[in-house]
Amino acid sequence: MILKDIWLDVKAVQERDPAARSALEVLLLYQGVHALIWHRFAHWFYKHHMFFIARWISQMARFFTLIEIHPGAQLGHGILIDHGCGVVIGETTVVGDNCTIYQGVTLGGVGTQKGKRHPTLGNNVTVGAGAKILGAFEVGDNCTIAANAVLLKPLENNITAAGIPARPVKKDGMRLPKEEKPVLTMEHYCKMEERIKELEKQIKELEKQIDQPR
């Protein structure tokens, strides 16, 4: 089973990375594949409650690949970790099949509570370079998280999200309308001016009280 998963990861790189020339090159020279191979073994030990050995393997993988995947994370098939340096995947993360993860991505948790605290990615999800997905929520199938986005909320299927914090900008490939900002009218400005005058008056009264001799 582990060998099959490794082969599917190698094929994923060949299919989705135009720089990949052969399966042998991918297997021997791609650190993303190496990190996944180490993780497949580490996760086996983790599932069999040999936590020390599992963590030791993951730390060795981190040292050699600069990719940190907790042995408890559940990764699907055909995953591409492209370039990969700085990728961090937390303990309760679930990543579906055929996902693409670029360098600097964090699939992390918020808070210190035990239990499920990391995201769940559906199938065919792409996470751009430097993006952060933080929290125990689900990202639907076929979603794309833009580079450097910070996603803090769940996404439905077929959504593209961007920004800090990230918000949906496309659904099914179609651009979503932008959120309209409130328009300030002359009435708003008049109320603001009145409030400013009231505050100025209060400040002057406070200054008089401070200046009074005791």
N, C-alpha and C. Protein backbone atom coordinates (compact mmCIF):
# COMPACT_ATOMS: atom_id res chain seq x y z
N MET A 1 0.84 -1.20 0.00
CA MET A 1 0.00 0.00 0.00
C MET A 1 0.87 1.25 0.00
N ILE A 2 1.91 1.28 0.84
CA ILE A 2 2.79 2.44 0.90
C ILE A 2 3.49 2.64 -0.44
N LEU A 3 3.94 1.54 -1.05
CA LEU A 3 4.63 1.64 -2.34
C LEU A 3 3.69 2.18 -3.42
N LYS A 4 2.41 1.78 -3.35
CA LYS A 4 1.43 2.29 -4.32
C LYS A 4 1.24 3.80 -4.13
N ASP A 5 1.16 4.23 -2.86
CA ASP A 5 1.00 5.66 -2.58
C ASP A 5 2.20 6.45 -3.10
N ILE A 6 3.40 5.90 -2.90
CA ILE A 6 4.60 6.58 -3.38
C ILE A 6 4.58 6.71 -4.90
N TRP A 7 4.18 5.65 -5.58
CA TRP A 7 4.14 5.69 -7.04
C TRP A 7 3.11 6.72 -7.53
N LEU A 8 1.97 6.82 -6.85
CA LEU A 8 0.96 7.81 -7.23
C LEU A 8 1.47 9.23 -7.01
N ASP A 9 2.26 9.42 -5.97
CA ASP A 9 2.86 10.74 -5.73
C ASP A 9 3.85 11.10 -6.83
N VAL A 10 4.64 10.12 -7.26
CA VAL A 10 5.60 10.34 -8.33
C VAL A 10 4.87 10.68 -9.63
N LYS A 11 3.82 9.95 -9.93
CA LYS A 11 3.06 10.21 -11.15
C LYS A 11 2.39 11.59 -11.10
N ALA A 12 1.97 12.01 -9.90
CA ALA A 12 1.35 13.33 -9.76
C ALA A 12 2.33 14.43 -10.14
N VAL A 13 3.59 14.27 -9.73
CA VAL A 13 4.61 15.26 -10.08
C VAL A 13 4.82 15.28 -11.58
N GLN A 14 4.91 14.11 -12.18
CA GLN A 14 5.11 14.04 -13.63
C GLN A 14 3.97 14.71 -14.39
N GLU A 15 2.76 14.53 -13.92
CA GLU A 15 1.60 15.07 -14.63
C GLU A 15 1.44 16.57 -14.44
N ARG A 16 1.83 17.09 -13.24
CA ARG A 16 1.49 18.49 -12.93
C ARG A 16 2.69 19.41 -12.86
N ASP A 17 3.90 18.88 -12.97
CA ASP A 17 5.09 19.74 -12.97
C ASP A 17 5.76 19.63 -14.34
N PRO A 18 5.70 20.69 -15.15
CA PRO A 18 6.29 20.62 -16.50
C PRO A 18 7.80 20.44 -16.50
N ALA A 19 8.45 20.70 -15.35
CA ALA A 19 9.91 20.54 -15.29
C ALA A 19 10.32 19.09 -15.08
N ALA A 20 9.38 18.23 -14.69
CA ALA A 20 9.71 16.83 -14.42
C ALA A 20 9.92 16.08 -15.74
N ARG A 21 11.07 15.41 -15.85
CA ARG A 21 11.41 14.73 -17.11
C ARG A 21 11.16 13.22 -17.06
N SER A 22 11.35 12.61 -15.90
CA SER A 22 11.17 11.16 -15.82
C SER A 22 10.80 10.79 -14.39
N ALA A 23 10.22 9.60 -14.24
CA ALA A 23 9.84 9.11 -12.92
C ALA A 23 11.07 8.92 -12.04
N LEU A 24 12.17 8.46 -12.64
CA LEU A 24 13.40 8.24 -11.87
C LEU A 24 13.93 9.56 -11.32
N GLU A 25 13.91 10.61 -12.14
CA GLU A 25 14.36 11.92 -11.69
C GLU A 25 13.50 12.42 -10.54
N VAL A 26 12.19 12.27 -10.67
CA VAL A 26 11.27 12.71 -9.62
C VAL A 26 11.54 11.94 -8.32
N LEU A 27 11.69 10.65 -8.43
CA LEU A 27 11.89 9.81 -7.25
C LEU A 27 13.19 10.13 -6.53
N LEU A 28 14.24 10.43 -7.28
CA LEU A 28 15.56 10.63 -6.67
C LEU A 28 15.85 12.07 -6.28
N LEU A 29 15.23 13.04 -6.96
CA LEU A 29 15.69 14.42 -6.82
C LEU A 29 14.64 15.41 -6.32
N TYR A 30 13.40 15.01 -6.14
CA TYR A 30 12.35 15.93 -5.72
C TYR A 30 12.11 15.82 -4.22
N GLN A 31 12.43 16.90 -3.48
CA GLN A 31 12.31 16.84 -2.03
C GLN A 31 10.87 16.71 -1.56
N GLY A 32 9.90 17.21 -2.37
CA GLY A 32 8.51 17.04 -2.00
C GLY A 32 8.12 15.57 -1.96
N VAL A 33 8.59 14.81 -2.93
CA VAL A 33 8.33 13.37 -2.96
C VAL A 33 9.04 12.69 -1.79
N HIS A 34 10.27 13.11 -1.52
CA HIS A 34 11.01 12.52 -0.40
C HIS A 34 10.27 12.73 0.92
N ALA A 35 9.74 13.96 1.12
CA ALA A 35 9.00 14.26 2.35
C ALA A 35 7.77 13.37 2.48
N LEU A 36 7.09 13.14 1.35
CA LEU A 36 5.91 12.28 1.37
C LEU A 36 6.28 10.83 1.65
N ILE A 37 7.39 10.37 1.10
CA ILE A 37 7.83 8.99 1.36
C ILE A 37 8.11 8.81 2.84
N TRP A 38 8.90 9.74 3.42
CA TRP A 38 9.18 9.66 4.86
C TRP A 38 7.88 9.65 5.65
N HIS A 39 6.95 10.52 5.22
CA HIS A 39 5.69 10.62 5.98
C HIS A 39 4.88 9.34 5.90
N ARG A 40 4.85 8.69 4.75
CA ARG A 40 4.07 7.46 4.62
C ARG A 40 4.52 6.43 5.68
N PHE A 41 5.82 6.32 5.88
CA PHE A 41 6.33 5.38 6.88
C PHE A 41 6.06 5.89 8.30
N ALA A 42 6.28 7.18 8.51
CA ALA A 42 6.05 7.75 9.84
C ALA A 42 4.59 7.57 10.25
N HIS A 43 3.68 7.78 9.30
CA HIS A 43 2.26 7.67 9.61
C HIS A 43 1.89 6.23 9.96
N TRP A 44 2.54 5.25 9.33
CA TRP A 44 2.28 3.84 9.67
C TRP A 44 2.62 3.58 11.13
N PHE A 45 3.79 4.06 11.56
CA PHE A 45 4.17 3.88 12.96
C PHE A 45 3.22 4.64 13.89
N TYR A 46 2.78 5.83 13.46
CA TYR A 46 1.87 6.62 14.28
C TYR A 46 0.55 5.88 14.48
N LYS A 47 0.02 5.29 13.42
CA LYS A 47 -1.25 4.55 13.53
C LYS A 47 -1.12 3.33 14.43
N HIS A 48 0.10 2.81 14.53
CA HIS A 48 0.32 1.64 15.40
C HIS A 48 0.86 2.05 16.77
N HIS A 49 0.64 3.33 17.10
CA HIS A 49 0.94 3.87 18.44
C HIS A 49 2.42 3.81 18.82
N MET A 50 3.28 3.80 17.81
CA MET A 50 4.72 3.91 18.07
C MET A 50 5.12 5.36 17.79
N PHE A 51 4.70 6.24 18.71
CA PHE A 51 4.76 7.67 18.46
C PHE A 51 6.19 8.21 18.43
N PHE A 52 7.06 7.67 19.25
CA PHE A 52 8.43 8.18 19.28
C PHE A 52 9.13 7.93 17.94
N ILE A 53 9.01 6.68 17.44
CA ILE A 53 9.63 6.35 16.16
C ILE A 53 9.03 7.19 15.03
N ALA A 54 7.70 7.36 15.08
CA ALA A 54 7.03 8.16 14.05
C ALA A 54 7.55 9.59 14.05
N ARG A 55 7.69 10.16 15.25
CA ARG A 55 8.15 11.55 15.33
C ARG A 55 9.62 11.65 14.94
N TRP A 56 10.40 10.65 15.27
CA TRP A 56 11.82 10.66 14.89
C TRP A 56 11.96 10.67 13.36
N ILE A 57 11.14 9.84 12.69
CA ILE A 57 11.19 9.80 11.23
C ILE A 57 10.79 11.15 10.64
N SER A 58 9.74 11.76 11.20
CA SER A 58 9.28 13.05 10.67
C SER A 58 10.33 14.14 10.88
N GLN A 59 11.04 14.08 11.99
CA GLN A 59 12.08 15.08 12.23
C GLN A 59 13.27 14.88 11.30
N MET A 60 13.59 13.65 11.00
CA MET A 60 14.66 13.38 10.02
C MET A 60 14.25 13.92 8.65
N ALA A 61 12.99 13.70 8.28
CA ALA A 61 12.50 14.22 7.01
C ALA A 61 12.57 15.74 6.98
N ARG A 62 12.22 16.36 8.08
CA ARG A 62 12.28 17.82 8.17
C ARG A 62 13.71 18.32 7.99
N PHE A 63 14.65 17.61 8.58
CA PHE A 63 16.05 18.01 8.49
C PHE A 63 16.56 17.95 7.05
N PHE A 64 16.18 16.91 6.33
CA PHE A 64 16.71 16.72 4.97
C PHE A 64 15.92 17.45 3.89
N THR A 65 14.63 17.71 4.13
CA THR A 65 13.79 18.28 3.07
C THR A 65 13.29 19.70 3.36
N LEU A 66 13.40 20.15 4.61
CA LEU A 66 12.85 21.45 5.03
C LEU A 66 11.33 21.49 4.90
N ILE A 67 10.73 20.32 4.92
CA ILE A 67 9.27 20.19 4.90
C ILE A 67 8.86 19.45 6.16
N GLU A 68 7.95 20.05 6.94
CA GLU A 68 7.55 19.44 8.21
C GLU A 68 6.13 18.92 8.13
N ILE A 69 6.00 17.61 8.18
CA ILE A 69 4.68 16.97 8.17
C ILE A 69 4.56 16.13 9.44
N HIS A 70 3.61 16.48 10.29
CA HIS A 70 3.43 15.70 11.50
C HIS A 70 3.00 14.28 11.13
N PRO A 71 3.52 13.27 11.81
CA PRO A 71 3.18 11.89 11.44
C PRO A 71 1.70 11.56 11.58
N GLY A 72 0.97 12.35 12.36
CA GLY A 72 -0.47 12.10 12.51
C GLY A 72 -1.31 12.60 11.35
N ALA A 73 -0.75 13.45 10.51
CA ALA A 73 -1.53 14.01 9.39
C ALA A 73 -1.93 12.90 8.42
N GLN A 74 -3.14 13.02 7.88
CA GLN A 74 -3.65 12.03 6.93
C GLN A 74 -3.61 12.61 5.52
N LEU A 75 -2.76 12.03 4.69
CA LEU A 75 -2.57 12.53 3.33
C LEU A 75 -3.11 11.53 2.32
N GLY A 76 -3.80 12.05 1.32
CA GLY A 76 -4.37 11.20 0.29
C GLY A 76 -3.35 10.78 -0.75
N HIS A 77 -3.84 10.44 -1.94
CA HIS A 77 -2.98 9.96 -3.02
C HIS A 77 -2.71 11.07 -4.03
N GLY A 78 -1.62 10.93 -4.75
CA GLY A 78 -1.33 11.84 -5.86
C GLY A 78 -1.10 13.27 -5.43
N ILE A 79 -0.44 13.47 -4.30
CA ILE A 79 -0.18 14.81 -3.78
C ILE A 79 1.11 15.35 -4.37
N LEU A 80 1.08 16.62 -4.76
CA LEU A 80 2.28 17.30 -5.25
C LEU A 80 2.64 18.41 -4.27
N ILE A 81 3.82 18.28 -3.64
CA ILE A 81 4.38 19.37 -2.84
C ILE A 81 5.47 19.98 -3.70
N ASP A 82 5.15 21.09 -4.35
CA ASP A 82 6.05 21.68 -5.34
C ASP A 82 7.05 22.62 -4.65
N HIS A 83 8.33 22.43 -4.92
CA HIS A 83 9.43 23.14 -4.25
C HIS A 83 9.43 22.76 -2.77
N GLY A 84 8.40 23.19 -2.03
CA GLY A 84 8.16 22.60 -0.71
C GLY A 84 8.82 23.24 0.48
N CYS A 85 9.91 23.96 0.30
CA CYS A 85 10.64 24.50 1.45
C CYS A 85 9.72 25.33 2.33
N GLY A 86 9.70 25.04 3.62
CA GLY A 86 8.90 25.80 4.56
C GLY A 86 7.48 25.33 4.74
N VAL A 87 7.08 24.26 4.07
CA VAL A 87 5.73 23.72 4.25
C VAL A 87 5.60 23.11 5.64
N VAL A 88 4.49 23.42 6.33
CA VAL A 88 4.21 22.85 7.64
C VAL A 88 2.79 22.29 7.62
N ILE A 89 2.65 21.01 7.99
CA ILE A 89 1.35 20.35 8.01
C ILE A 89 1.14 19.76 9.39
N GLY A 90 0.08 20.20 10.08
CA GLY A 90 -0.15 19.83 11.47
C GLY A 90 -0.72 18.44 11.67
N GLU A 91 -0.79 18.06 12.94
CA GLU A 91 -1.10 16.70 13.34
C GLU A 91 -2.47 16.21 12.88
N THR A 92 -3.51 17.02 13.02
CA THR A 92 -4.86 16.56 12.69
C THR A 92 -5.32 17.03 11.30
N THR A 93 -4.36 17.44 10.48
CA THR A 93 -4.68 17.84 9.10
C THR A 93 -5.09 16.63 8.28
N VAL A 94 -6.06 16.83 7.40
CA VAL A 94 -6.45 15.82 6.42
C VAL A 94 -6.34 16.47 5.04
N VAL A 95 -5.59 15.84 4.14
CA VAL A 95 -5.42 16.34 2.77
C VAL A 95 -5.96 15.29 1.82
N GLY A 96 -6.87 15.69 0.94
CA GLY A 96 -7.49 14.76 0.01
C GLY A 96 -6.59 14.37 -1.15
N ASP A 97 -7.14 13.68 -2.10
CA ASP A 97 -6.38 13.18 -3.25
C ASP A 97 -6.09 14.31 -4.24
N ASN A 98 -4.94 14.18 -4.92
CA ASN A 98 -4.57 15.05 -6.05
C ASN A 98 -4.50 16.53 -5.67
N CYS A 99 -4.07 16.81 -4.45
CA CYS A 99 -3.90 18.20 -4.02
C CYS A 99 -2.50 18.69 -4.39
N THR A 100 -2.38 20.00 -4.58
CA THR A 100 -1.10 20.62 -4.89
C THR A 100 -0.80 21.67 -3.84
N ILE A 101 0.38 21.55 -3.23
CA ILE A 101 0.79 22.45 -2.15
C ILE A 101 2.13 23.06 -2.51
N TYR A 102 2.19 24.39 -2.53
CA TYR A 102 3.42 25.08 -2.89
C TYR A 102 4.23 25.47 -1.65
N GLN A 103 5.41 26.03 -1.88
CA GLN A 103 6.34 26.32 -0.79
C GLN A 103 5.76 27.34 0.20
N GLY A 104 6.17 27.20 1.45
CA GLY A 104 5.78 28.16 2.47
C GLY A 104 4.37 28.03 2.99
N VAL A 105 3.67 26.98 2.61
CA VAL A 105 2.28 26.80 3.04
C VAL A 105 2.23 26.28 4.48
N THR A 106 1.27 26.77 5.26
CA THR A 106 1.03 26.25 6.60
C THR A 106 -0.41 25.75 6.69
N LEU A 107 -0.55 24.49 7.03
CA LEU A 107 -1.87 23.93 7.36
C LEU A 107 -1.85 23.73 8.87
N GLY A 108 -2.25 24.78 9.58
CA GLY A 108 -2.02 24.82 11.02
C GLY A 108 -3.29 24.92 11.83
N GLY A 109 -3.08 24.97 13.15
CA GLY A 109 -4.20 25.06 14.08
C GLY A 109 -4.20 26.39 14.80
N VAL A 110 -5.29 26.64 15.47
CA VAL A 110 -5.39 27.82 16.32
C VAL A 110 -5.78 27.34 17.72
N GLY A 111 -5.14 27.92 18.74
CA GLY A 111 -5.41 27.47 20.10
C GLY A 111 -4.55 26.30 20.50
N THR A 112 -4.72 25.89 21.74
CA THR A 112 -3.88 24.82 22.30
C THR A 112 -4.70 23.61 22.73
N GLN A 113 -6.00 23.59 22.40
CA GLN A 113 -6.83 22.47 22.82
C GLN A 113 -6.45 21.21 22.06
N LYS A 114 -6.71 20.05 22.67
CA LYS A 114 -6.46 18.78 22.00
C LYS A 114 -7.63 18.46 21.08
N GLY A 115 -7.46 17.42 20.28
CA GLY A 115 -8.50 17.05 19.34
C GLY A 115 -8.28 17.68 17.99
N LYS A 116 -9.30 17.64 17.16
CA LYS A 116 -9.23 18.18 15.80
C LYS A 116 -9.02 19.70 15.85
N ARG A 117 -7.91 20.17 15.31
CA ARG A 117 -7.60 21.60 15.36
C ARG A 117 -6.94 22.10 14.07
N HIS A 118 -6.83 21.24 13.08
CA HIS A 118 -6.21 21.60 11.81
C HIS A 118 -7.21 21.40 10.67
N PRO A 119 -6.96 22.00 9.52
CA PRO A 119 -7.94 21.96 8.43
C PRO A 119 -8.05 20.61 7.74
N THR A 120 -9.16 20.44 7.04
CA THR A 120 -9.39 19.28 6.18
C THR A 120 -9.56 19.78 4.76
N LEU A 121 -8.68 19.35 3.86
CA LEU A 121 -8.75 19.74 2.46
C LEU A 121 -9.42 18.64 1.65
N GLY A 122 -10.33 19.03 0.77
CA GLY A 122 -10.97 18.05 -0.11
C GLY A 122 -10.03 17.61 -1.21
N ASN A 123 -10.57 17.03 -2.25
CA ASN A 123 -9.77 16.55 -3.38
C ASN A 123 -9.50 17.69 -4.36
N ASN A 124 -8.36 17.60 -5.04
CA ASN A 124 -8.01 18.56 -6.11
C ASN A 124 -7.92 20.00 -5.61
N VAL A 125 -7.44 20.18 -4.41
CA VAL A 125 -7.27 21.52 -3.84
C VAL A 125 -5.86 22.01 -4.15
N THR A 126 -5.74 23.28 -4.54
CA THR A 126 -4.44 23.90 -4.78
C THR A 126 -4.23 25.00 -3.75
N VAL A 127 -3.08 24.95 -3.08
CA VAL A 127 -2.76 25.95 -2.05
C VAL A 127 -1.51 26.69 -2.51
N GLY A 128 -1.65 27.99 -2.80
CA GLY A 128 -0.56 28.78 -3.36
C GLY A 128 0.56 29.05 -2.38
N ALA A 129 1.68 29.48 -2.90
CA ALA A 129 2.89 29.72 -2.10
C ALA A 129 2.61 30.70 -0.97
N GLY A 130 3.05 30.34 0.24
CA GLY A 130 2.94 31.22 1.39
C GLY A 130 1.56 31.30 2.01
N ALA A 131 0.59 30.56 1.48
CA ALA A 131 -0.76 30.62 2.04
C ALA A 131 -0.82 29.93 3.40
N LYS A 132 -1.71 30.42 4.26
CA LYS A 132 -1.92 29.85 5.58
C LYS A 132 -3.39 29.45 5.71
N ILE A 133 -3.64 28.21 6.08
CA ILE A 133 -4.99 27.74 6.35
C ILE A 133 -5.00 27.31 7.81
N LEU A 134 -5.72 28.04 8.64
CA LEU A 134 -5.60 27.88 10.09
C LEU A 134 -6.96 27.60 10.71
N GLY A 135 -7.07 26.44 11.36
CA GLY A 135 -8.30 26.11 12.05
C GLY A 135 -8.87 24.78 11.63
N ALA A 136 -9.82 24.28 12.45
CA ALA A 136 -10.43 22.98 12.21
C ALA A 136 -11.70 23.14 11.38
N PHE A 137 -11.55 23.36 10.10
CA PHE A 137 -12.70 23.50 9.20
C PHE A 137 -12.37 22.82 7.88
N GLU A 138 -13.37 22.73 7.01
CA GLU A 138 -13.22 22.01 5.74
C GLU A 138 -13.09 22.96 4.56
N VAL A 139 -12.21 22.59 3.66
CA VAL A 139 -12.08 23.28 2.37
C VAL A 139 -12.57 22.30 1.31
N GLY A 140 -13.56 22.69 0.54
CA GLY A 140 -14.22 21.78 -0.39
C GLY A 140 -13.34 21.33 -1.55
N ASP A 141 -13.86 20.42 -2.33
CA ASP A 141 -13.15 19.90 -3.50
C ASP A 141 -12.93 21.01 -4.54
N ASN A 142 -11.82 20.88 -5.27
CA ASN A 142 -11.52 21.75 -6.42
C ASN A 142 -11.36 23.22 -6.03
N CYS A 143 -10.98 23.49 -4.80
CA CYS A 143 -10.77 24.87 -4.37
C CYS A 143 -9.34 25.31 -4.64
N THR A 144 -9.15 26.61 -4.78
CA THR A 144 -7.82 27.20 -4.94
C THR A 144 -7.65 28.31 -3.92
N ILE A 145 -6.56 28.22 -3.16
CA ILE A 145 -6.23 29.26 -2.19
C ILE A 145 -5.05 30.04 -2.77
N ALA A 146 -5.24 31.33 -2.96
CA ALA A 146 -4.22 32.15 -3.63
C ALA A 146 -2.96 32.27 -2.78
N ALA A 147 -1.86 32.61 -3.43
CA ALA A 147 -0.58 32.80 -2.74
C ALA A 147 -0.72 33.86 -1.65
N ASN A 148 -0.13 33.55 -0.48
CA ASN A 148 -0.07 34.46 0.67
C ASN A 148 -1.43 34.75 1.30
N ALA A 149 -2.46 34.05 0.89
CA ALA A 149 -3.77 34.23 1.53
C ALA A 149 -3.74 33.63 2.93
N VAL A 150 -4.63 34.13 3.79
CA VAL A 150 -4.80 33.58 5.14
C VAL A 150 -6.26 33.17 5.28
N LEU A 151 -6.50 31.87 5.19
CA LEU A 151 -7.87 31.36 5.21
C LEU A 151 -8.23 30.92 6.63
N LEU A 152 -9.33 31.47 7.15
CA LEU A 152 -9.75 31.20 8.52
C LEU A 152 -11.17 30.63 8.59
N LYS A 153 -11.81 30.45 7.44
CA LYS A 153 -13.19 29.97 7.41
C LYS A 153 -13.34 28.87 6.36
N PRO A 154 -14.35 28.02 6.51
CA PRO A 154 -14.55 26.93 5.53
C PRO A 154 -14.95 27.46 4.15
N LEU A 155 -14.70 26.64 3.15
CA LEU A 155 -15.06 26.98 1.77
C LEU A 155 -15.90 25.86 1.17
N GLU A 156 -16.86 26.25 0.34
CA GLU A 156 -17.63 25.27 -0.41
C GLU A 156 -16.78 24.73 -1.57
N ASN A 157 -17.32 23.79 -2.32
CA ASN A 157 -16.62 23.24 -3.48
C ASN A 157 -16.43 24.31 -4.56
N ASN A 158 -15.35 24.17 -5.32
CA ASN A 158 -15.11 24.98 -6.53
C ASN A 158 -14.97 26.47 -6.26
N ILE A 159 -14.34 26.82 -5.14
CA ILE A 159 -14.17 28.22 -4.76
C ILE A 159 -12.70 28.61 -4.90
N THR A 160 -12.45 29.81 -5.38
CA THR A 160 -11.12 30.41 -5.33
C THR A 160 -11.16 31.51 -4.28
N ALA A 161 -10.22 31.46 -3.32
CA ALA A 161 -10.19 32.44 -2.24
C ALA A 161 -8.87 33.18 -2.25
N ALA A 162 -8.92 34.47 -1.91
CA ALA A 162 -7.71 35.29 -1.88
C ALA A 162 -7.86 36.36 -0.82
N GLY A 163 -6.69 36.89 -0.37
CA GLY A 163 -6.72 38.02 0.55
C GLY A 163 -6.38 37.64 1.97
N ILE A 164 -6.29 38.68 2.82
CA ILE A 164 -6.02 38.51 4.25
C ILE A 164 -7.05 39.32 5.03
N PRO A 165 -8.00 38.68 5.71
CA PRO A 165 -8.28 37.24 5.64
C PRO A 165 -8.87 36.88 4.28
N ALA A 166 -8.70 35.62 3.90
CA ALA A 166 -9.14 35.20 2.56
C ALA A 166 -10.66 35.18 2.47
N ARG A 167 -11.16 35.56 1.30
CA ARG A 167 -12.60 35.52 1.02
C ARG A 167 -12.77 34.98 -0.40
N PRO A 168 -13.93 34.38 -0.68
CA PRO A 168 -14.17 33.85 -2.03
C PRO A 168 -14.17 34.95 -3.08
N VAL A 169 -13.43 34.74 -4.16
CA VAL A 169 -13.42 35.70 -5.27
C VAL A 169 -13.94 35.07 -6.56
N LYS A 170 -13.97 33.74 -6.61
CA LYS A 170 -14.53 33.05 -7.77
C LYS A 170 -15.26 31.79 -7.31
N LYS A 171 -16.29 31.42 -8.06
CA LYS A 171 -16.98 30.15 -7.84
C LYS A 171 -17.26 29.54 -9.20
N ASP A 172 -16.87 28.29 -9.37
CA ASP A 172 -17.01 27.60 -10.66
C ASP A 172 -16.34 28.37 -11.79
N GLY A 173 -15.24 29.05 -11.46
CA GLY A 173 -14.50 29.80 -12.46
C GLY A 173 -15.05 31.17 -12.78
N MET A 174 -16.18 31.53 -12.19
CA MET A 174 -16.80 32.83 -12.45
C MET A 174 -16.52 33.79 -11.30
N ARG A 175 -16.10 35.01 -11.65
CA ARG A 175 -15.78 36.00 -10.62
C ARG A 175 -17.03 36.41 -9.84
N LEU A 176 -16.89 36.46 -8.53
CA LEU A 176 -17.99 36.87 -7.67
C LEU A 176 -18.01 38.39 -7.52
N PRO A 177 -19.17 38.99 -7.34
CA PRO A 177 -19.23 40.45 -7.16
C PRO A 177 -18.53 40.86 -5.88
N LYS A 178 -17.86 42.00 -5.92
CA LYS A 178 -17.17 42.50 -4.75
C LYS A 178 -18.18 43.00 -3.72
N GLU A 179 -17.77 42.88 -2.46
CA GLU A 179 -18.63 43.40 -1.40
C GLU A 179 -18.66 44.92 -1.48
N GLU A 180 -19.87 45.47 -1.48
CA GLU A 180 -20.01 46.91 -1.58
C GLU A 180 -19.69 47.58 -0.24
N LYS A 181 -18.88 48.63 -0.30
CA LYS A 181 -18.56 49.39 0.90
C LYS A 181 -19.65 50.43 1.14
N PRO A 182 -19.97 50.71 2.42
CA PRO A 182 -21.00 51.70 2.70
C PRO A 182 -20.61 53.08 2.17
N VAL A 183 -21.60 53.80 1.59
CA VAL A 183 -21.35 55.12 1.03
C VAL A 183 -21.72 56.17 2.06
N LEU A 184 -20.78 57.09 2.35
CA LEU A 184 -21.03 58.15 3.32
C LEU A 184 -21.76 59.31 2.63
N THR A 185 -22.89 59.72 3.21
CA THR A 185 -23.67 60.83 2.67
C THR A 185 -23.33 62.10 3.45
N MET A 186 -23.90 63.23 3.01
CA MET A 186 -23.70 64.51 3.69
C MET A 186 -24.24 64.46 5.11
N GLU A 187 -25.31 63.68 5.29
CA GLU A 187 -25.87 63.54 6.64
C GLU A 187 -24.87 62.90 7.59
N HIS A 188 -24.15 61.88 7.09
CA HIS A 188 -23.13 61.23 7.92
C HIS A 188 -22.04 62.22 8.31
N TYR A 189 -21.59 63.01 7.34
CA TYR A 189 -20.54 63.98 7.63
C TYR A 189 -21.00 65.02 8.66
N CYS A 190 -22.26 65.45 8.55
CA CYS A 190 -22.79 66.43 9.51
C CYS A 190 -22.82 65.85 10.92
N LYS A 191 -23.25 64.58 11.02
CA LYS A 191 -23.28 63.95 12.34
C LYS A 191 -21.87 63.80 12.91
N MET A 192 -20.91 63.46 12.05
CA MET A 192 -19.52 63.34 12.50
C MET A 192 -18.99 64.68 12.99
N GLU A 193 -19.34 65.75 12.27
CA GLU A 193 -18.88 67.09 12.67
C GLU A 193 -19.47 67.48 14.02
N GLU A 194 -20.77 67.18 14.22
CA GLU A 194 -21.40 67.48 15.50
C GLU A 194 -20.74 66.70 16.64
N ARG A 195 -20.43 65.45 16.37
CA ARG A 195 -19.81 64.62 17.41
C ARG A 195 -18.41 65.13 17.75
N ILE A 196 -17.68 65.57 16.73
CA ILE A 196 -16.34 66.11 16.96
C ILE A 196 -16.42 67.36 17.82
N LYS A 197 -17.40 68.23 17.55
CA LYS A 197 -17.55 69.45 18.34
C LYS A 197 -17.89 69.11 19.80
N GLU A 198 -18.74 68.10 20.01
CA GLU A 198 -19.08 67.68 21.37
C GLU A 198 -17.83 67.18 22.11
N LEU A 199 -17.01 66.41 21.42
CA LEU A 199 -15.79 65.90 22.04
C LEU A 199 -14.82 67.03 22.36
N GLU A 200 -14.71 68.01 21.47
CA GLU A 200 -13.84 69.15 21.73
C GLU A 200 -14.31 69.92 22.96
N LYS A 201 -15.62 70.08 23.09
CA LYS A 201 -16.18 70.77 24.25
C LYS A 201 -15.86 70.03 25.54
N GLN A 202 -15.99 68.68 25.50
CA GLN A 202 -15.70 67.87 26.68
C GLN A 202 -14.22 67.96 27.06
N ILE A 203 -13.36 67.99 26.04
CA ILE A 203 -11.93 68.09 26.30
C ILE A 203 -11.60 69.42 26.98
N LYS A 204 -12.20 70.52 26.50
CA LYS A 204 -11.94 71.83 27.10
C LYS A 204 -12.40 71.88 28.55
N GLU A 205 -13.56 71.25 28.85
CA GLU A 205 -14.06 71.22 30.22
C GLU A 205 -13.11 70.42 31.13
N LEU A 206 -12.59 69.32 30.60
CA LEU A 206 -11.64 68.53 31.37
C LEU A 206 -10.35 69.30 31.62
N GLU A 207 -9.90 70.06 30.63
CA GLU A 207 -8.69 70.86 30.80
C GLU A 207 -8.88 71.93 31.87
N LYS A 208 -10.08 72.54 31.92
CA LYS A 208 -10.37 73.54 32.93
C LYS A 208 -10.32 72.93 34.32
N GLN A 209 -10.88 71.73 34.45
CA GLN A 209 -10.88 71.06 35.76
C GLN A 209 -9.46 70.73 36.20
N ILE A 210 -8.61 70.35 35.26
CA ILE A 210 -7.23 70.01 35.59
C ILE A 210 -6.46 71.27 36.02
N ASP A 211 -6.74 72.40 35.34
CA ASP A 211 -6.02 73.64 35.62
C ASP A 211 -6.48 74.35 36.89
N GLN A 212 -7.65 73.98 37.44
CA GLN A 212 -8.13 74.63 38.64
C GLN A 212 -7.20 74.34 39.82
N PRO A 213 -6.88 75.39 40.62
CA PRO A 213 -6.01 75.15 41.77
C PRO A 213 -6.70 74.32 42.84
N ARG A 214 -5.93 73.53 43.53
CA ARG A 214 -6.49 72.66 44.58
C ARG A 214 -6.12 73.22 45.96
